[in-house]
Amino acid sequence: MLISYLQDHHIYPVSIPTPFAVGDVYCYLINDEKTVFVDCGHKSEAAYGLIKEQMEDLGLTLRDLDEIWLTHGHPDHFGLAAQLADETGAVLFGHHKERANFASNDDGVLFEQFFEHHHIPPKLIDMMVDQLQWLQQFQEYINPEWVGEGDVLSSGSLKFNVRHTPGHAPGHLTFYSDSGIIFGGDILLEHISTNALINFDAESGERNKSLLQYRESLQWIRELEGWVLPGHGKFIENISKVADHHLGNQKKRYEGIKRLLSEKPYSLFELSQVMFTDAIKDGAVFLVLSEVIGYLDWGIERGEIVYEDNAFSLMS
């Protein structure tokens, strides 16, 4: 039913396999007065072939591509944009707070400084920096047109409001229409909770409080009605239910951290080891640190957790 509805609105999902743990990424082709892609996959011959094939199935060629709207600057969502824009002249749109990501600047120095400040073991820092550098092969520098809160993008008969929804990425955007179609990127996924990743503000270089930003974004999107067309997983109709599920799980995780800190102070890495032992052994250190620092930011914001002498403790 939804697919027919989307086709009636000239919208065609394109599922692109990726080399990343998250699996396939969804991009969306709008075949309207303009030909538009919402996100476009990572830089690879396979992704390029799928984009070209989908367009040909609709009687289009790459030269017909007019615009690419980017939800955020992670390689599975924007990596192919430079090649497509170079070949087609398509105009790229994204948020200015993704400037560092779109420039393929991995912020390695800022990450290393953060990890060193929290006394993460050097071998794990090297591993995380290597992981960040590995991602560079799947993306290429772009300098898009900047859009943000209150702007409207149009494919012709369809118009989409632009909403800044940070958390997963500092300049994450959601595009939503009066017809109930919502291009959500990674703001709301049904099968997994989106990671509020450690990231830094493009202008100041300060670390963003990603989980706090993400919770605000979830509170906003839960009020929308319609269908979320996500970057990964199933299309979402019960928006508030999925958002509330994630918000509730975050609350439970936060309360668990408070219980641990009520027993004794922990450093960021010590707390991460206790909570996610297996994930750290499996090499998901960056995801774990992002998760845990987010809850610690939450506690500090609420005045319930204090940080001093490189340790976090429950406010007495």
C-alpha atoms as a PDB file:
ATOM      1  CA  MET A   1       0.000   0.000   0.000  1.00  0.00           C
ATOM      2  CA  LEU A   2       2.731   2.460   0.969  1.00  0.00           C
ATOM      3  CA  ILE A   3       4.804   1.634  -2.113  1.00  0.00           C
ATOM      4  CA  SER A   4       1.796   2.375  -4.338  1.00  0.00           C
ATOM      5  CA  TYR A   5       1.235   5.610  -2.439  1.00  0.00           C
ATOM      6  CA  LEU A   6       4.859   6.598  -2.931  1.00  0.00           C
ATOM      7  CA  GLN A   7       4.762   5.761  -6.620  1.00  0.00           C
ATOM      8  CA  ASP A   8       1.639   7.894  -6.966  1.00  0.00           C
ATOM      9  CA  HIS A   9       3.809  10.702  -5.550  1.00  0.00           C
ATOM     10  CA  HIS A  10       6.680   9.798  -7.918  1.00  0.00           C
ATOM     11  CA  ILE A  11       8.918   8.532  -5.070  1.00  0.00           C
ATOM     12  CA  TYR A  12      10.998   5.365  -5.518  1.00  0.00           C
ATOM     13  CA  PRO A  13      13.092   3.807  -2.696  1.00  0.00           C
ATOM     14  CA  VAL A  14      16.525   2.514  -3.713  1.00  0.00           C
ATOM     15  CA  SER A  15      18.192   0.027  -1.355  1.00  0.00           C
ATOM     16  CA  ILE A  16      21.987   0.060  -1.601  1.00  0.00           C
ATOM     17  CA  PRO A  17      24.163  -2.569   0.144  1.00  0.00           C
ATOM     18  CA  THR A  18      27.025  -1.061   2.141  1.00  0.00           C
ATOM     19  CA  PRO A  19      30.281  -2.363   3.655  1.00  0.00           C
ATOM     20  CA  PHE A  20      29.186  -0.995   7.043  1.00  0.00           C
ATOM     21  CA  ALA A  21      27.712  -2.829  10.025  1.00  0.00           C
ATOM     22  CA  VAL A  22      24.401  -0.983   9.657  1.00  0.00           C
ATOM     23  CA  GLY A  23      23.698  -2.847   6.395  1.00  0.00           C
ATOM     24  CA  ASP A  24      21.770  -1.502   3.425  1.00  0.00           C
ATOM     25  CA  VAL A  25      21.052   2.202   3.132  1.00  0.00           C
ATOM     26  CA  TYR A  26      17.887   3.646   1.589  1.00  0.00           C
ATOM     27  CA  CYS A  27      18.069   6.490  -0.887  1.00  0.00           C
ATOM     28  CA  TYR A  28      14.941   7.921  -2.482  1.00  0.00           C
ATOM     29  CA  LEU A  29      14.462   8.975  -6.101  1.00  0.00           C
ATOM     30  CA  ILE A  30      11.793  11.586  -6.795  1.00  0.00           C
ATOM     31  CA  ASN A  31      10.750  11.623 -10.448  1.00  0.00           C
ATOM     32  CA  ASP A  32       8.764  14.850 -10.520  1.00  0.00           C
ATOM     33  CA  GLU A  33       9.152  18.114 -12.416  1.00  0.00           C
ATOM     34  CA  LYS A  34      12.681  17.869 -11.085  1.00  0.00           C
ATOM     35  CA  THR A  35      14.578  14.623 -10.695  1.00  0.00           C
ATOM     36  CA  VAL A  36      15.862  14.468  -7.123  1.00  0.00           C
ATOM     37  CA  PHE A  37      17.716  11.995  -4.961  1.00  0.00           C
ATOM     38  CA  VAL A  38      17.373  12.163  -1.191  1.00  0.00           C
ATOM     39  CA  ASP A  39      20.778  10.786  -0.145  1.00  0.00           C
ATOM     40  CA  CYS A  40      22.772   8.769  -2.642  1.00  0.00           C
ATOM     41  CA  GLY A  41      24.853   6.021  -1.025  1.00  0.00           C
ATOM     42  CA  HIS A  42      28.575   5.595  -0.490  1.00  0.00           C
ATOM     43  CA  LYS A  43      31.270   6.041  -3.089  1.00  0.00           C
ATOM     44  CA  SER A  44      31.517   2.712  -4.907  1.00  0.00           C
ATOM     45  CA  GLU A  45      30.936   1.220  -8.334  1.00  0.00           C
ATOM     46  CA  ALA A  46      28.072  -0.889  -6.961  1.00  0.00           C
ATOM     47  CA  ALA A  47      26.219   2.112  -5.492  1.00  0.00           C
ATOM     48  CA  TYR A  48      26.768   4.075  -8.700  1.00  0.00           C
ATOM     49  CA  GLY A  49      25.395   1.166 -10.734  1.00  0.00           C
ATOM     50  CA  LEU A  50      22.258   0.893  -8.615  1.00  0.00           C
ATOM     51  CA  ILE A  51      21.563   4.636  -8.878  1.00  0.00           C
ATOM     52  CA  LYS A  52      21.989   4.508 -12.645  1.00  0.00           C
ATOM     53  CA  GLU A  53      19.859   1.359 -12.953  1.00  0.00           C
ATOM     54  CA  GLN A  54      16.974   2.826 -10.947  1.00  0.00           C
ATOM     55  CA  MET A  55      16.949   5.922 -13.104  1.00  0.00           C
ATOM     56  CA  GLU A  56      17.028   3.877 -16.302  1.00  0.00           C
ATOM     57  CA  ASP A  57      14.081   1.785 -15.052  1.00  0.00           C
ATOM     58  CA  LEU A  58      12.100   5.029 -14.980  1.00  0.00           C
ATOM     59  CA  GLY A  59      13.234   6.070 -18.435  1.00  0.00           C
ATOM     60  CA  LEU A  60      15.802   8.526 -17.061  1.00  0.00           C
ATOM     61  CA  THR A  61      19.526   8.961 -17.495  1.00  0.00           C
ATOM     62  CA  LEU A  62      22.050  10.327 -15.024  1.00  0.00           C
ATOM     63  CA  ARG A  63      21.994  13.585 -16.977  1.00  0.00           C
ATOM     64  CA  ASP A  64      18.376  14.060 -15.888  1.00  0.00           C
ATOM     65  CA  LEU A  65      19.391  14.364 -12.230  1.00  0.00           C
ATOM     66  CA  ASP A  66      18.706  17.909 -11.004  1.00  0.00           C
ATOM     67  CA  GLU A  67      19.277  17.904  -7.238  1.00  0.00           C
ATOM     68  CA  ILE A  68      20.513  15.772  -4.341  1.00  0.00           C
ATOM     69  CA  TRP A  69      19.162  16.517  -0.853  1.00  0.00           C
ATOM     70  CA  LEU A  70      21.490  15.203   1.846  1.00  0.00           C
ATOM     71  CA  THR A  71      20.237  14.287   5.298  1.00  0.00           C
ATOM     72  CA  HIS A  72      23.774  14.222   6.741  1.00  0.00           C
ATOM     73  CA  GLY A  73      27.436  13.771   6.006  1.00  0.00           C
ATOM     74  CA  HIS A  74      28.095  10.109   6.746  1.00  0.00           C
ATOM     75  CA  PRO A  75      29.533   8.167   3.803  1.00  0.00           C
ATOM     76  CA  ASP A  76      26.608   5.761   3.383  1.00  0.00           C
ATOM     77  CA  HIS A  77      24.371   8.789   2.802  1.00  0.00           C
ATOM     78  CA  PHE A  78      26.521  11.245   0.840  1.00  0.00           C
ATOM     79  CA  GLY A  79      29.675   9.473  -0.337  1.00  0.00           C
ATOM     80  CA  LEU A  80      28.640   9.270  -3.997  1.00  0.00           C
ATOM     81  CA  ALA A  81      27.400  12.870  -4.181  1.00  0.00           C
ATOM     82  CA  ALA A  82      30.604  14.393  -5.569  1.00  0.00           C
ATOM     83  CA  GLN A  83      30.786  11.962  -8.484  1.00  0.00           C
ATOM     84  CA  LEU A  84      27.108  12.356  -9.324  1.00  0.00           C
ATOM     85  CA  ALA A  85      27.293  16.145  -9.160  1.00  0.00           C
ATOM     86  CA  ASP A  86      30.411  16.214 -11.338  1.00  0.00           C
ATOM     87  CA  GLU A  87      28.817  14.006 -13.985  1.00  0.00           C
ATOM     88  CA  THR A  88      25.330  15.517 -13.996  1.00  0.00           C
ATOM     89  CA  GLY A  89      25.613  19.095 -12.748  1.00  0.00           C
ATOM     90  CA  ALA A  90      23.107  18.257 -10.007  1.00  0.00           C
ATOM     91  CA  VAL A  91      22.868  20.814  -7.212  1.00  0.00           C
ATOM     92  CA  LEU A  92      23.668  19.456  -3.740  1.00  0.00           C
ATOM     93  CA  PHE A  93      21.898  20.615  -0.582  1.00  0.00           C
ATOM     94  CA  GLY A  94      22.948  20.033   3.025  1.00  0.00           C
ATOM     95  CA  HIS A  95      23.324  21.704   6.418  1.00  0.00           C
ATOM     96  CA  HIS A  96      26.317  23.914   7.186  1.00  0.00           C
ATOM     97  CA  LYS A  97      27.052  22.077  10.447  1.00  0.00           C
ATOM     98  CA  GLU A  98      28.013  19.071   8.316  1.00  0.00           C
ATOM     99  CA  ARG A  99      30.814  21.132   6.762  1.00  0.00           C
ATOM    100  CA  ALA A 100      33.586  19.024   8.313  1.00  0.00           C
ATOM    101  CA  ASN A 101      31.927  15.756   7.290  1.00  0.00           C
ATOM    102  CA  PHE A 102      31.230  16.932   3.740  1.00  0.00           C
ATOM    103  CA  ALA A 103      34.853  18.076   3.456  1.00  0.00           C
ATOM    104  CA  SER A 104      35.980  14.525   4.329  1.00  0.00           C
ATOM    105  CA  ASN A 105      37.635  15.994   7.395  1.00  0.00           C
ATOM    106  CA  ASP A 106      37.583  13.225   9.969  1.00  0.00           C
ATOM    107  CA  ASP A 107      38.337  15.607  12.890  1.00  0.00           C
ATOM    108  CA  GLY A 108      41.053  13.158  13.906  1.00  0.00           C
ATOM    109  CA  VAL A 109      42.881  15.646  16.121  1.00  0.00           C
ATOM    110  CA  LEU A 110      39.739  16.587  18.040  1.00  0.00           C
ATOM    111  CA  PHE A 111      38.849  12.935  18.561  1.00  0.00           C
ATOM    112  CA  GLU A 112      42.359  12.075  19.711  1.00  0.00           C
ATOM    113  CA  GLN A 113      42.366  14.981  22.173  1.00  0.00           C
ATOM    114  CA  PHE A 114      39.032  13.842  23.595  1.00  0.00           C
ATOM    115  CA  PHE A 115      40.173  10.213  23.920  1.00  0.00           C
ATOM    116  CA  GLU A 116      43.501  11.205  25.487  1.00  0.00           C
ATOM    117  CA  HIS A 117      41.763  13.519  27.956  1.00  0.00           C
ATOM    118  CA  HIS A 118      39.708  10.573  29.159  1.00  0.00           C
ATOM    119  CA  HIS A 119      42.749   8.263  29.282  1.00  0.00           C
ATOM    120  CA  ILE A 120      41.514   5.793  26.714  1.00  0.00           C
ATOM    121  CA  PRO A 121      44.276   3.191  26.112  1.00  0.00           C
ATOM    122  CA  PRO A 122      46.561   4.306  23.246  1.00  0.00           C
ATOM    123  CA  LYS A 123      46.069   1.088  21.264  1.00  0.00           C
ATOM    124  CA  LEU A 124      42.300   1.682  21.264  1.00  0.00           C
ATOM    125  CA  ILE A 125      42.795   5.309  20.214  1.00  0.00           C
ATOM    126  CA  ASP A 126      44.930   4.131  17.294  1.00  0.00           C
ATOM    127  CA  MET A 127      42.240   1.610  16.341  1.00  0.00           C
ATOM    128  CA  MET A 128      39.482   4.246  16.369  1.00  0.00           C
ATOM    129  CA  VAL A 129      41.552   6.717  14.351  1.00  0.00           C
ATOM    130  CA  ASP A 130      42.276   3.936  11.836  1.00  0.00           C
ATOM    131  CA  GLN A 131      38.531   3.252  11.603  1.00  0.00           C
ATOM    132  CA  LEU A 132      37.842   6.933  10.904  1.00  0.00           C
ATOM    133  CA  GLN A 133      40.508   7.010   8.225  1.00  0.00           C
ATOM    134  CA  TRP A 134      39.162   3.797   6.652  1.00  0.00           C
ATOM    135  CA  LEU A 135      35.848   5.541   6.055  1.00  0.00           C
ATOM    136  CA  GLN A 136      37.498   8.182   3.854  1.00  0.00           C
ATOM    137  CA  GLN A 137      37.666   5.829   0.862  1.00  0.00           C
ATOM    138  CA  PHE A 138      33.856   5.805   0.681  1.00  0.00           C
ATOM    139  CA  GLN A 139      33.350   9.562   0.423  1.00  0.00           C
ATOM    140  CA  GLU A 140      34.619  12.573  -1.463  1.00  0.00           C
ATOM    141  CA  TYR A 141      34.713  16.297  -0.745  1.00  0.00           C
ATOM    142  CA  ILE A 142      31.606  18.311  -1.593  1.00  0.00           C
ATOM    143  CA  ASN A 143      30.640  21.950  -1.100  1.00  0.00           C
ATOM    144  CA  PRO A 144      26.824  21.925  -1.170  1.00  0.00           C
ATOM    145  CA  GLU A 145      24.322  24.726  -1.066  1.00  0.00           C
ATOM    146  CA  TRP A 146      23.409  25.286   2.582  1.00  0.00           C
ATOM    147  CA  VAL A 147      19.811  24.815   3.732  1.00  0.00           C
ATOM    148  CA  GLY A 148      18.413  24.768   7.236  1.00  0.00           C
ATOM    149  CA  GLU A 149      15.524  25.323   9.581  1.00  0.00           C
ATOM    150  CA  GLY A 150      12.545  26.951   7.856  1.00  0.00           C
ATOM    151  CA  ASP A 151      13.740  26.413   4.297  1.00  0.00           C
ATOM    152  CA  VAL A 152      11.614  24.575   1.748  1.00  0.00           C
ATOM    153  CA  LEU A 153      12.884  22.231  -0.965  1.00  0.00           C
ATOM    154  CA  SER A 154      10.675  21.376  -3.918  1.00  0.00           C
ATOM    155  CA  SER A 155      10.751  18.717  -6.604  1.00  0.00           C
ATOM    156  CA  GLY A 156       7.902  20.491  -8.407  1.00  0.00           C
ATOM    157  CA  SER A 157       4.543  19.189  -7.256  1.00  0.00           C
ATOM    158  CA  LEU A 158       6.029  18.099  -3.919  1.00  0.00           C
ATOM    159  CA  LYS A 159       7.327  20.512  -1.304  1.00  0.00           C
ATOM    160  CA  PHE A 160       9.332  19.552   1.758  1.00  0.00           C
ATOM    161  CA  ASN A 161      10.022  21.589   4.862  1.00  0.00           C
ATOM    162  CA  VAL A 162      13.578  21.424   6.165  1.00  0.00           C
ATOM    163  CA  ARG A 163      14.121  20.680   9.846  1.00  0.00           C
ATOM    164  CA  HIS A 164      17.487  20.609  11.613  1.00  0.00           C
ATOM    165  CA  THR A 165      17.485  17.403  13.690  1.00  0.00           C
ATOM    166  CA  PRO A 166      20.961  17.021  15.227  1.00  0.00           C
ATOM    167  CA  GLY A 167      22.142  14.194  17.452  1.00  0.00           C
ATOM    168  CA  HIS A 168      23.341  11.433  15.162  1.00  0.00           C
ATOM    169  CA  ALA A 169      25.266  14.089  13.225  1.00  0.00           C
ATOM    170  CA  PRO A 170      25.624  17.807  14.001  1.00  0.00           C
ATOM    171  CA  GLY A 171      23.913  18.931  10.788  1.00  0.00           C
ATOM    172  CA  HIS A 172      21.397  16.140  10.325  1.00  0.00           C
ATOM    173  CA  LEU A 173      18.319  17.250   8.367  1.00  0.00           C
ATOM    174  CA  THR A 174      14.788  15.856   8.111  1.00  0.00           C
ATOM    175  CA  PHE A 175      12.618  16.721   5.097  1.00  0.00           C
ATOM    176  CA  TYR A 176       8.866  16.542   5.768  1.00  0.00           C
ATOM    177  CA  SER A 177       5.797  17.376   3.703  1.00  0.00           C
ATOM    178  CA  ASP A 178       2.149  18.206   4.266  1.00  0.00           C
ATOM    179  CA  SER A 179       1.292  14.945   2.513  1.00  0.00           C
ATOM    180  CA  GLY A 180       2.794  12.967   5.393  1.00  0.00           C
ATOM    181  CA  ILE A 181       5.982  11.868   3.635  1.00  0.00           C
ATOM    182  CA  ILE A 182       9.016  12.290   5.884  1.00  0.00           C
ATOM    183  CA  PHE A 183      12.560  11.654   4.687  1.00  0.00           C
ATOM    184  CA  GLY A 184      14.132  10.842   8.041  1.00  0.00           C
ATOM    185  CA  GLY A 185      17.714   9.868   7.269  1.00  0.00           C
ATOM    186  CA  ASP A 186      18.964   8.285  10.499  1.00  0.00           C
ATOM    187  CA  ILE A 187      16.849  10.302  12.933  1.00  0.00           C
ATOM    188  CA  LEU A 188      14.358   7.469  13.519  1.00  0.00           C
ATOM    189  CA  LEU A 189      15.023   3.794  12.807  1.00  0.00           C
ATOM    190  CA  GLU A 190      12.615   1.080  13.827  1.00  0.00           C
ATOM    191  CA  HIS A 191      14.924  -1.893  14.321  1.00  0.00           C
ATOM    192  CA  ILE A 192      17.777  -0.160  16.164  1.00  0.00           C
ATOM    193  CA  SER A 193      18.342   2.951  18.222  1.00  0.00           C
ATOM    194  CA  THR A 194      20.281   5.566  16.299  1.00  0.00           C
ATOM    195  CA  ASN A 195      23.737   6.237  17.716  1.00  0.00           C
ATOM    196  CA  ALA A 196      24.198   9.752  19.098  1.00  0.00           C
ATOM    197  CA  LEU A 197      27.820   9.789  17.996  1.00  0.00           C
ATOM    198  CA  ILE A 198      30.657  11.798  19.462  1.00  0.00           C
ATOM    199  CA  ASN A 199      30.989  14.762  17.127  1.00  0.00           C
ATOM    200  CA  PHE A 200      32.181  18.348  17.146  1.00  0.00           C
ATOM    201  CA  ASP A 201      30.668  21.661  16.166  1.00  0.00           C
ATOM    202  CA  ALA A 202      31.899  22.728  12.718  1.00  0.00           C
ATOM    203  CA  GLU A 203      32.440  26.348  13.776  1.00  0.00           C
ATOM    204  CA  SER A 204      33.676  26.202  17.369  1.00  0.00           C
ATOM    205  CA  GLY A 205      35.298  22.774  17.479  1.00  0.00           C
ATOM    206  CA  GLU A 206      33.506  22.143  20.780  1.00  0.00           C
ATOM    207  CA  ARG A 207      32.124  18.667  21.378  1.00  0.00           C
ATOM    208  CA  ASN A 208      28.359  18.545  20.872  1.00  0.00           C
ATOM    209  CA  LYS A 209      26.163  17.038  23.576  1.00  0.00           C
ATOM    210  CA  SER A 210      24.907  14.571  20.988  1.00  0.00           C
ATOM    211  CA  LEU A 211      22.490  12.506  23.078  1.00  0.00           C
ATOM    212  CA  LEU A 212      20.787  15.614  24.456  1.00  0.00           C
ATOM    213  CA  GLN A 213      20.427  16.951  20.910  1.00  0.00           C
ATOM    214  CA  TYR A 214      19.119  13.601  19.713  1.00  0.00           C
ATOM    215  CA  ARG A 215      16.478  13.409  22.432  1.00  0.00           C
ATOM    216  CA  GLU A 216      15.192  16.836  21.399  1.00  0.00           C
ATOM    217  CA  SER A 217      15.036  15.646  17.784  1.00  0.00           C
ATOM    218  CA  LEU A 218      13.095  12.538  18.837  1.00  0.00           C
ATOM    219  CA  GLN A 219      10.669  14.660  20.854  1.00  0.00           C
ATOM    220  CA  TRP A 220      10.047  16.742  17.744  1.00  0.00           C
ATOM    221  CA  ILE A 221       9.545  13.922  15.263  1.00  0.00           C
ATOM    222  CA  ARG A 222       7.260  11.939  17.576  1.00  0.00           C
ATOM    223  CA  GLU A 223       4.634  14.653  17.052  1.00  0.00           C
ATOM    224  CA  LEU A 224       4.534  14.184  13.269  1.00  0.00           C
ATOM    225  CA  GLU A 225       1.935  12.119  11.458  1.00  0.00           C
ATOM    226  CA  GLY A 226       2.566  10.187   8.293  1.00  0.00           C
ATOM    227  CA  TRP A 227       5.328   7.827   7.178  1.00  0.00           C
ATOM    228  CA  VAL A 228       8.998   8.115   8.024  1.00  0.00           C
ATOM    229  CA  LEU A 229      11.096   6.901   5.096  1.00  0.00           C
ATOM    230  CA  PRO A 230      14.312   6.086   6.982  1.00  0.00           C
ATOM    231  CA  GLY A 231      17.885   5.607   5.933  1.00  0.00           C
ATOM    232  CA  HIS A 232      17.831   1.997   7.127  1.00  0.00           C
ATOM    233  CA  GLY A 233      15.282  -0.667   7.973  1.00  0.00           C
ATOM    234  CA  LYS A 234      11.498  -0.666   7.710  1.00  0.00           C
ATOM    235  CA  PHE A 235       9.319   2.298   6.800  1.00  0.00           C
ATOM    236  CA  ILE A 236       7.703   3.710   9.942  1.00  0.00           C
ATOM    237  CA  GLU A 237       4.038   4.623  10.318  1.00  0.00           C
ATOM    238  CA  ASN A 238       3.683   4.454  14.120  1.00  0.00           C
ATOM    239  CA  ILE A 239       6.128   7.314  14.583  1.00  0.00           C
ATOM    240  CA  SER A 240       5.315   8.242  18.173  1.00  0.00           C
ATOM    241  CA  LYS A 241       5.431   4.599  19.310  1.00  0.00           C
ATOM    242  CA  VAL A 242       8.897   4.029  17.841  1.00  0.00           C
ATOM    243  CA  ALA A 243      10.218   7.354  19.148  1.00  0.00           C
ATOM    244  CA  ASP A 244       8.796   6.688  22.628  1.00  0.00           C
ATOM    245  CA  HIS A 245      10.361   3.220  22.617  1.00  0.00           C
ATOM    246  CA  HIS A 246      13.795   4.707  22.008  1.00  0.00           C
ATOM    247  CA  LEU A 247      13.269   7.518  24.519  1.00  0.00           C
ATOM    248  CA  GLY A 248      12.156   4.980  27.121  1.00  0.00           C
ATOM    249  CA  ASN A 249      15.159   2.736  26.553  1.00  0.00           C
ATOM    250  CA  GLN A 250      17.450   5.723  26.904  1.00  0.00           C
ATOM    251  CA  LYS A 251      15.834   6.540  30.235  1.00  0.00           C
ATOM    252  CA  LYS A 252      16.382   2.959  31.458  1.00  0.00           C
ATOM    253  CA  ARG A 253      20.023   3.034  30.382  1.00  0.00           C
ATOM    254  CA  TYR A 254      20.544   6.357  32.139  1.00  0.00           C
ATOM    255  CA  GLU A 255      19.055   5.026  35.382  1.00  0.00           C
ATOM    256  CA  GLY A 256      21.394   2.029  35.126  1.00  0.00           C
ATOM    257  CA  ILE A 257      24.394   4.332  34.877  1.00  0.00           C
ATOM    258  CA  LYS A 258      23.200   6.268  37.925  1.00  0.00           C
ATOM    259  CA  ARG A 259      22.999   3.020  39.899  1.00  0.00           C
ATOM    260  CA  LEU A 260      26.587   2.172  38.999  1.00  0.00           C
ATOM    261  CA  LEU A 261      27.807   5.642  39.919  1.00  0.00           C
ATOM    262  CA  SER A 262      26.006   5.436  43.259  1.00  0.00           C
ATOM    263  CA  GLU A 263      28.439   2.664  44.201  1.00  0.00           C
ATOM    264  CA  LYS A 264      31.692   4.456  43.289  1.00  0.00           C
ATOM    265  CA  PRO A 265      33.180   6.929  40.787  1.00  0.00           C
ATOM    266  CA  TYR A 266      34.102   5.663  37.335  1.00  0.00           C
ATOM    267  CA  SER A 267      36.166   7.060  34.494  1.00  0.00           C
ATOM    268  CA  LEU A 268      34.533   7.090  31.070  1.00  0.00           C
ATOM    269  CA  PHE A 269      36.478   4.028  29.975  1.00  0.00           C
ATOM    270  CA  GLU A 270      35.876   2.094  33.207  1.00  0.00           C
ATOM    271  CA  LEU A 271      32.141   2.702  32.936  1.00  0.00           C
ATOM    272  CA  SER A 272      32.179   1.687  29.276  1.00  0.00           C
ATOM    273  CA  GLN A 273      33.968  -1.567  30.119  1.00  0.00           C
ATOM    274  CA  VAL A 274      31.431  -2.456  32.790  1.00  0.00           C
ATOM    275  CA  MET A 275      28.420  -1.705  30.616  1.00  0.00           C
ATOM    276  CA  PHE A 276      29.575  -2.970  27.205  1.00  0.00           C
ATOM    277  CA  THR A 277      32.341  -5.514  27.808  1.00  0.00           C
ATOM    278  CA  ASP A 278      31.591  -7.656  24.756  1.00  0.00           C
ATOM    279  CA  ALA A 279      31.125  -4.707  22.397  1.00  0.00           C
ATOM    280  CA  ILE A 280      34.528  -3.324  23.348  1.00  0.00           C
ATOM    281  CA  LYS A 281      36.112  -6.735  22.776  1.00  0.00           C
ATOM    282  CA  ASP A 282      34.433  -6.770  19.349  1.00  0.00           C
ATOM    283  CA  GLY A 283      36.060  -3.454  18.437  1.00  0.00           C
ATOM    284  CA  ALA A 284      33.004  -1.174  18.734  1.00  0.00           C
ATOM    285  CA  VAL A 285      34.855   1.156  21.103  1.00  0.00           C
ATOM    286  CA  PHE A 286      33.806   4.390  19.397  1.00  0.00           C
ATOM    287  CA  LEU A 287      30.122   3.451  19.488  1.00  0.00           C
ATOM    288  CA  VAL A 288      30.401   2.470  23.154  1.00  0.00           C
ATOM    289  CA  LEU A 289      32.175   5.671  24.176  1.00  0.00           C
ATOM    290  CA  SER A 290      29.593   7.703  22.251  1.00  0.00           C
ATOM    291  CA  GLU A 291      26.769   5.931  24.060  1.00  0.00           C
ATOM    292  CA  VAL A 292      28.219   6.287  27.539  1.00  0.00           C
ATOM    293  CA  ILE A 293      29.402   9.909  27.282  1.00  0.00           C
ATOM    294  CA  GLY A 294      25.906  10.809  26.095  1.00  0.00           C
ATOM    295  CA  TYR A 295      24.330   9.560  29.301  1.00  0.00           C
ATOM    296  CA  LEU A 296      26.999  11.257  31.378  1.00  0.00           C
ATOM    297  CA  ASP A 297      26.283  14.539  29.567  1.00  0.00           C
ATOM    298  CA  TRP A 298      22.615  14.008  30.416  1.00  0.00           C
ATOM    299  CA  GLY A 299      23.395  13.543  34.112  1.00  0.00           C
ATOM    300  CA  ILE A 300      25.633  16.600  34.251  1.00  0.00           C
ATOM    301  CA  GLU A 301      22.945  18.658  32.489  1.00  0.00           C
ATOM    302  CA  ARG A 302      20.414  17.538  35.099  1.00  0.00           C
ATOM    303  CA  GLY A 303      22.768  18.240  37.999  1.00  0.00           C
ATOM    304  CA  GLU A 304      22.754  14.563  39.005  1.00  0.00           C
ATOM    305  CA  ILE A 305      26.277  13.603  37.886  1.00  0.00           C
ATOM    306  CA  VAL A 306      29.518  15.453  38.509  1.00  0.00           C
ATOM    307  CA  TYR A 307      32.862  15.147  36.707  1.00  0.00           C
ATOM    308  CA  GLU A 308      36.131  15.828  38.516  1.00  0.00           C
ATOM    309  CA  ASP A 309      39.618  14.293  38.635  1.00  0.00           C
ATOM    310  CA  ASN A 310      38.851  12.343  35.440  1.00  0.00           C
ATOM    311  CA  ALA A 311      36.004  10.478  37.126  1.00  0.00           C
ATOM    312  CA  PHE A 312      32.226  10.677  37.063  1.00  0.00           C
ATOM    313  CA  SER A 313      30.230  10.268  40.242  1.00  0.00           C
ATOM    314  CA  LEU A 314      26.674  10.696  41.446  1.00  0.00           C
ATOM    315  CA  MET A 315      25.966  14.081  42.986  1.00  0.00           C
ATOM    316  CA  SER A 316      25.593  13.626  46.737  1.00  0.00           C
END
